[in-house]
Amino acid sequence: MAIPYASRLNAVEKFHVWTLARPDLIYLALGMPIPDTPDAIKEATVAALRAGHVHYSDFKDIPELRAALVDKMREQNDLDFTPDEIIVTNGLTQASFLACKRRCKNRPR
């Protein structure tokens, strides 16, 4: 049964209003952060673009990023990983594919 467009839009709007009242949530449904991007991130983005970092990275991403994520997970989340256990994806589609691929690879036959 299809949900009428107006009803779907209303639900999205209601959810958006609900998330505005929850400062502990980050609203990513439409890829539009509610607060403005911090200036340090804007400046780092411009510097990266000027340095030629304009394409997707390789499959395992940038080694320095994975090392920084290992440090973050250890310091802020008390989790212990190695950079080889971290994969940074280009988005949900790639992450879902990799999760399914890993599950199928590890499934008993």
N, C-alpha and C. Protein backbone atom coordinates (compact mmCIF):
# COMPACT_ATOMS: atom_id res chain seq x y z
N MET A 1 0.85 -1.18 0.00
CA MET A 1 0.00 0.00 0.00
C MET A 1 0.89 1.24 0.00
N ALA A 2 0.69 2.10 -0.96
CA ALA A 2 1.50 3.31 -1.08
C ALA A 2 1.01 4.37 -0.09
N ILE A 3 1.96 5.08 0.49
CA ILE A 3 1.62 6.18 1.41
C ILE A 3 1.57 7.46 0.59
N PRO A 4 0.49 8.22 0.67
CA PRO A 4 0.40 9.46 -0.11
C PRO A 4 1.57 10.40 0.19
N TYR A 5 2.02 11.10 -0.85
CA TYR A 5 3.16 12.00 -0.71
C TYR A 5 2.98 13.00 0.42
N ALA A 6 1.80 13.59 0.52
CA ALA A 6 1.55 14.60 1.57
C ALA A 6 1.74 14.00 2.96
N SER A 7 1.33 12.75 3.14
CA SER A 7 1.50 12.09 4.44
C SER A 7 2.96 11.84 4.74
N ARG A 8 3.72 11.42 3.72
CA ARG A 8 5.16 11.19 3.92
C ARG A 8 5.86 12.48 4.27
N LEU A 9 5.54 13.55 3.56
CA LEU A 9 6.17 14.83 3.83
C LEU A 9 5.83 15.29 5.24
N ASN A 10 4.60 15.12 5.64
CA ASN A 10 4.19 15.50 6.98
C ASN A 10 5.01 14.73 8.02
N ALA A 11 5.21 13.44 7.79
CA ALA A 11 5.98 12.62 8.73
C ALA A 11 7.42 13.10 8.80
N VAL A 12 8.00 13.44 7.66
CA VAL A 12 9.38 13.94 7.64
C VAL A 12 9.45 15.26 8.38
N GLU A 13 8.49 16.13 8.15
CA GLU A 13 8.48 17.42 8.84
C GLU A 13 8.35 17.23 10.35
N LYS A 14 7.46 16.31 10.76
CA LYS A 14 7.28 16.03 12.19
C LYS A 14 8.59 15.50 12.81
N PHE A 15 9.24 14.60 12.09
CA PHE A 15 10.49 14.05 12.60
C PHE A 15 11.55 15.15 12.71
N HIS A 16 11.60 16.03 11.72
CA HIS A 16 12.56 17.13 11.75
C HIS A 16 12.32 18.04 12.96
N VAL A 17 11.07 18.37 13.22
CA VAL A 17 10.74 19.21 14.38
C VAL A 17 11.12 18.49 15.67
N TRP A 18 10.85 17.19 15.73
CA TRP A 18 11.20 16.39 16.91
C TRP A 18 12.71 16.41 17.14
N THR A 19 13.50 16.29 16.06
CA THR A 19 14.96 16.27 16.23
C THR A 19 15.48 17.64 16.66
N LEU A 20 14.82 18.71 16.25
CA LEU A 20 15.25 20.04 16.68
C LEU A 20 15.16 20.19 18.20
N ALA A 21 14.21 19.49 18.81
CA ALA A 21 14.03 19.56 20.25
C ALA A 21 14.98 18.63 21.00
N ARG A 22 15.79 17.86 20.27
CA ARG A 22 16.71 16.90 20.88
C ARG A 22 18.15 17.28 20.51
N PRO A 23 18.82 18.11 21.32
CA PRO A 23 20.17 18.54 20.98
C PRO A 23 21.19 17.40 20.96
N ASP A 24 20.83 16.23 21.53
CA ASP A 24 21.75 15.10 21.53
C ASP A 24 21.68 14.29 20.23
N LEU A 25 20.76 14.64 19.33
CA LEU A 25 20.63 13.95 18.05
C LEU A 25 21.25 14.78 16.93
N ILE A 26 21.77 14.08 15.97
CA ILE A 26 22.28 14.74 14.76
C ILE A 26 21.36 14.33 13.62
N TYR A 27 20.73 15.29 13.00
CA TYR A 27 19.76 15.03 11.94
C TYR A 27 20.49 14.87 10.62
N LEU A 28 20.54 13.65 10.09
CA LEU A 28 21.25 13.38 8.85
C LEU A 28 20.34 12.87 7.74
N ALA A 29 19.05 12.83 7.98
CA ALA A 29 18.12 12.24 7.02
C ALA A 29 18.21 12.89 5.64
N LEU A 30 18.40 14.17 5.59
CA LEU A 30 18.47 14.87 4.32
C LEU A 30 19.87 15.41 4.04
N GLY A 31 20.84 15.01 4.83
CA GLY A 31 22.20 15.49 4.62
C GLY A 31 22.35 16.98 4.91
N MET A 32 21.50 17.51 5.75
CA MET A 32 21.54 18.93 6.08
C MET A 32 21.75 19.09 7.59
N PRO A 33 22.98 19.35 8.00
CA PRO A 33 23.18 19.53 9.44
C PRO A 33 22.43 20.78 9.91
N ILE A 34 21.90 20.70 11.11
CA ILE A 34 21.14 21.82 11.65
C ILE A 34 22.07 22.98 12.03
N PRO A 35 23.13 22.73 12.83
CA PRO A 35 24.03 23.85 13.11
C PRO A 35 24.95 24.07 11.90
N ASP A 36 25.45 25.27 11.79
CA ASP A 36 26.39 25.57 10.72
C ASP A 36 27.68 24.78 10.94
N THR A 37 28.35 24.46 9.86
CA THR A 37 29.62 23.74 9.94
C THR A 37 30.64 24.65 10.62
N PRO A 38 31.38 24.14 11.61
CA PRO A 38 32.39 24.96 12.28
C PRO A 38 33.43 25.50 11.30
N ASP A 39 33.92 26.72 11.58
CA ASP A 39 34.89 27.36 10.69
C ASP A 39 36.13 26.52 10.47
N ALA A 40 36.61 25.82 11.50
CA ALA A 40 37.82 25.00 11.35
C ALA A 40 37.61 23.91 10.31
N ILE A 41 36.41 23.34 10.25
CA ILE A 41 36.13 22.30 9.26
C ILE A 41 36.01 22.92 7.87
N LYS A 42 35.39 24.09 7.78
CA LYS A 42 35.30 24.77 6.49
C LYS A 42 36.69 25.08 5.95
N GLU A 43 37.56 25.60 6.81
CA GLU A 43 38.91 25.95 6.38
C GLU A 43 39.71 24.72 5.99
N ALA A 44 39.56 23.63 6.75
CA ALA A 44 40.26 22.39 6.42
C ALA A 44 39.76 21.84 5.08
N THR A 45 38.47 21.99 4.82
CA THR A 45 37.90 21.52 3.56
C THR A 45 38.49 22.30 2.39
N VAL A 46 38.54 23.61 2.51
CA VAL A 46 39.11 24.44 1.45
C VAL A 46 40.58 24.10 1.23
N ALA A 47 41.33 23.92 2.32
CA ALA A 47 42.75 23.57 2.20
C ALA A 47 42.92 22.22 1.50
N ALA A 48 42.07 21.25 1.84
CA ALA A 48 42.15 19.93 1.20
C ALA A 48 41.83 20.03 -0.29
N LEU A 49 40.82 20.81 -0.64
CA LEU A 49 40.49 20.99 -2.05
C LEU A 49 41.64 21.65 -2.81
N ARG A 50 42.24 22.67 -2.21
CA ARG A 50 43.38 23.35 -2.86
C ARG A 50 44.59 22.43 -2.99
N ALA A 51 44.70 21.47 -2.08
CA ALA A 51 45.82 20.52 -2.13
C ALA A 51 45.55 19.38 -3.11
N GLY A 52 44.38 19.40 -3.74
CA GLY A 52 44.08 18.39 -4.76
C GLY A 52 43.37 17.15 -4.25
N HIS A 53 42.91 17.18 -3.01
CA HIS A 53 42.18 16.03 -2.46
C HIS A 53 40.71 16.15 -2.86
N VAL A 54 40.43 15.82 -4.12
CA VAL A 54 39.10 16.04 -4.67
C VAL A 54 38.40 14.75 -5.13
N HIS A 55 39.03 13.60 -4.90
CA HIS A 55 38.45 12.34 -5.35
C HIS A 55 38.25 11.41 -4.17
N TYR A 56 37.43 10.39 -4.37
CA TYR A 56 37.29 9.36 -3.35
C TYR A 56 38.65 8.69 -3.15
N SER A 57 38.89 8.27 -1.94
CA SER A 57 40.15 7.59 -1.65
C SER A 57 40.04 6.13 -2.06
N ASP A 58 41.12 5.39 -1.87
CA ASP A 58 41.08 3.97 -2.20
C ASP A 58 40.18 3.23 -1.21
N PHE A 59 40.01 1.94 -1.42
CA PHE A 59 39.07 1.14 -0.65
C PHE A 59 39.30 1.23 0.86
N LYS A 60 40.54 1.22 1.31
CA LYS A 60 40.82 1.24 2.75
C LYS A 60 40.98 2.67 3.27
N ASP A 61 40.79 3.64 2.43
CA ASP A 61 40.82 5.05 2.81
C ASP A 61 42.23 5.53 3.13
N ILE A 62 42.32 6.64 3.78
CA ILE A 62 43.59 7.30 4.06
C ILE A 62 44.16 6.74 5.37
N PRO A 63 45.39 6.21 5.34
CA PRO A 63 45.96 5.60 6.56
C PRO A 63 45.95 6.53 7.76
N GLU A 64 46.23 7.82 7.56
CA GLU A 64 46.24 8.76 8.67
C GLU A 64 44.85 8.92 9.30
N LEU A 65 43.82 8.85 8.47
CA LEU A 65 42.45 8.94 8.99
C LEU A 65 42.13 7.71 9.83
N ARG A 66 42.48 6.53 9.33
CA ARG A 66 42.20 5.32 10.11
C ARG A 66 42.97 5.32 11.42
N ALA A 67 44.21 5.81 11.42
CA ALA A 67 44.99 5.90 12.66
C ALA A 67 44.34 6.88 13.64
N ALA A 68 43.85 8.00 13.13
CA ALA A 68 43.17 8.98 13.99
C ALA A 68 41.88 8.39 14.57
N LEU A 69 41.17 7.59 13.78
CA LEU A 69 39.95 6.96 14.28
C LEU A 69 40.25 5.93 15.36
N VAL A 70 41.36 5.21 15.21
CA VAL A 70 41.79 4.26 16.25
C VAL A 70 42.04 5.02 17.56
N ASP A 71 42.75 6.14 17.47
CA ASP A 71 43.02 6.95 18.67
C ASP A 71 41.73 7.45 19.29
N LYS A 72 40.81 7.94 18.46
CA LYS A 72 39.54 8.46 18.95
C LYS A 72 38.75 7.36 19.66
N MET A 73 38.67 6.18 19.04
CA MET A 73 37.90 5.07 19.62
C MET A 73 38.51 4.63 20.95
N ARG A 74 39.83 4.66 21.04
CA ARG A 74 40.50 4.25 22.28
C ARG A 74 40.27 5.29 23.38
N GLU A 75 40.49 6.57 23.06
CA GLU A 75 40.42 7.63 24.06
C GLU A 75 39.00 7.96 24.49
N GLN A 76 38.08 8.03 23.54
CA GLN A 76 36.73 8.49 23.85
C GLN A 76 35.73 7.37 24.08
N ASN A 77 36.02 6.17 23.55
CA ASN A 77 35.04 5.09 23.63
C ASN A 77 35.57 3.85 24.34
N ASP A 78 36.83 3.89 24.77
CA ASP A 78 37.47 2.77 25.46
C ASP A 78 37.38 1.48 24.63
N LEU A 79 37.58 1.62 23.31
CA LEU A 79 37.57 0.48 22.39
C LEU A 79 38.95 0.37 21.75
N ASP A 80 39.39 -0.86 21.54
CA ASP A 80 40.74 -1.07 21.02
C ASP A 80 40.68 -1.73 19.65
N PHE A 81 41.08 -1.00 18.64
CA PHE A 81 41.14 -1.49 17.27
C PHE A 81 42.52 -1.19 16.70
N THR A 82 42.82 -1.81 15.57
CA THR A 82 44.01 -1.46 14.80
C THR A 82 43.53 -0.76 13.53
N PRO A 83 44.39 0.01 12.89
CA PRO A 83 43.97 0.67 11.64
C PRO A 83 43.46 -0.31 10.58
N ASP A 84 43.98 -1.53 10.57
CA ASP A 84 43.52 -2.53 9.59
C ASP A 84 42.11 -3.01 9.87
N GLU A 85 41.58 -2.75 11.06
CA GLU A 85 40.21 -3.15 11.40
C GLU A 85 39.21 -2.02 11.13
N ILE A 86 39.67 -0.89 10.66
CA ILE A 86 38.82 0.26 10.39
C ILE A 86 38.66 0.40 8.88
N ILE A 87 37.42 0.56 8.43
CA ILE A 87 37.14 0.86 7.03
C ILE A 87 36.26 2.10 7.00
N VAL A 88 36.67 3.08 6.23
CA VAL A 88 35.88 4.29 6.05
C VAL A 88 35.26 4.20 4.67
N THR A 89 33.94 4.33 4.60
CA THR A 89 33.26 4.19 3.32
C THR A 89 32.83 5.54 2.78
N ASN A 90 32.41 5.52 1.52
CA ASN A 90 31.92 6.73 0.87
C ASN A 90 30.46 7.00 1.19
N GLY A 91 29.81 6.09 1.90
CA GLY A 91 28.42 6.29 2.25
C GLY A 91 27.75 4.99 2.63
N LEU A 92 26.46 5.07 2.88
CA LEU A 92 25.68 3.93 3.36
C LEU A 92 25.67 2.78 2.37
N THR A 93 25.56 3.06 1.09
CA THR A 93 25.48 1.99 0.09
C THR A 93 26.74 1.13 0.13
N GLN A 94 27.90 1.78 0.12
CA GLN A 94 29.15 1.03 0.16
C GLN A 94 29.29 0.28 1.49
N ALA A 95 28.93 0.91 2.59
CA ALA A 95 29.03 0.26 3.90
C ALA A 95 28.12 -0.97 3.96
N SER A 96 26.90 -0.86 3.45
CA SER A 96 25.97 -1.98 3.45
C SER A 96 26.50 -3.12 2.59
N PHE A 97 27.03 -2.79 1.43
CA PHE A 97 27.59 -3.81 0.55
C PHE A 97 28.74 -4.54 1.24
N LEU A 98 29.63 -3.79 1.87
CA LEU A 98 30.78 -4.42 2.54
C LEU A 98 30.34 -5.29 3.71
N ALA A 99 29.34 -4.84 4.46
CA ALA A 99 28.84 -5.64 5.58
C ALA A 99 28.22 -6.94 5.07
N CYS A 100 27.43 -6.85 4.01
CA CYS A 100 26.82 -8.06 3.44
C CYS A 100 27.88 -8.98 2.85
N LYS A 101 28.85 -8.41 2.17
CA LYS A 101 29.92 -9.21 1.57
C LYS A 101 30.70 -9.95 2.66
N ARG A 102 31.00 -9.26 3.74
CA ARG A 102 31.74 -9.90 4.84
C ARG A 102 30.91 -11.01 5.47
N ARG A 103 29.61 -10.75 5.65
CA ARG A 103 28.75 -11.76 6.25
C ARG A 103 28.68 -13.00 5.36
N CYS A 104 28.54 -12.81 4.07
CA CYS A 104 28.48 -13.94 3.15
C CYS A 104 29.81 -14.69 3.13
N LYS A 105 30.90 -13.98 3.19
CA LYS A 105 32.23 -14.59 3.18
C LYS A 105 32.45 -15.45 4.41
N ASN A 106 31.94 -15.02 5.56
CA ASN A 106 32.14 -15.72 6.82
C ASN A 106 31.06 -16.76 7.13
N ARG A 107 30.06 -16.85 6.27
CA ARG A 107 28.95 -17.77 6.52
C ARG A 107 29.41 -19.22 6.31
N PRO A 108 29.05 -20.11 7.23
CA PRO A 108 29.41 -21.52 7.03
C PRO A 108 28.71 -22.07 5.80
N ARG A 109 29.39 -22.91 5.09
CA ARG A 109 28.80 -23.49 3.86
C ARG A 109 28.39 -24.91 4.08
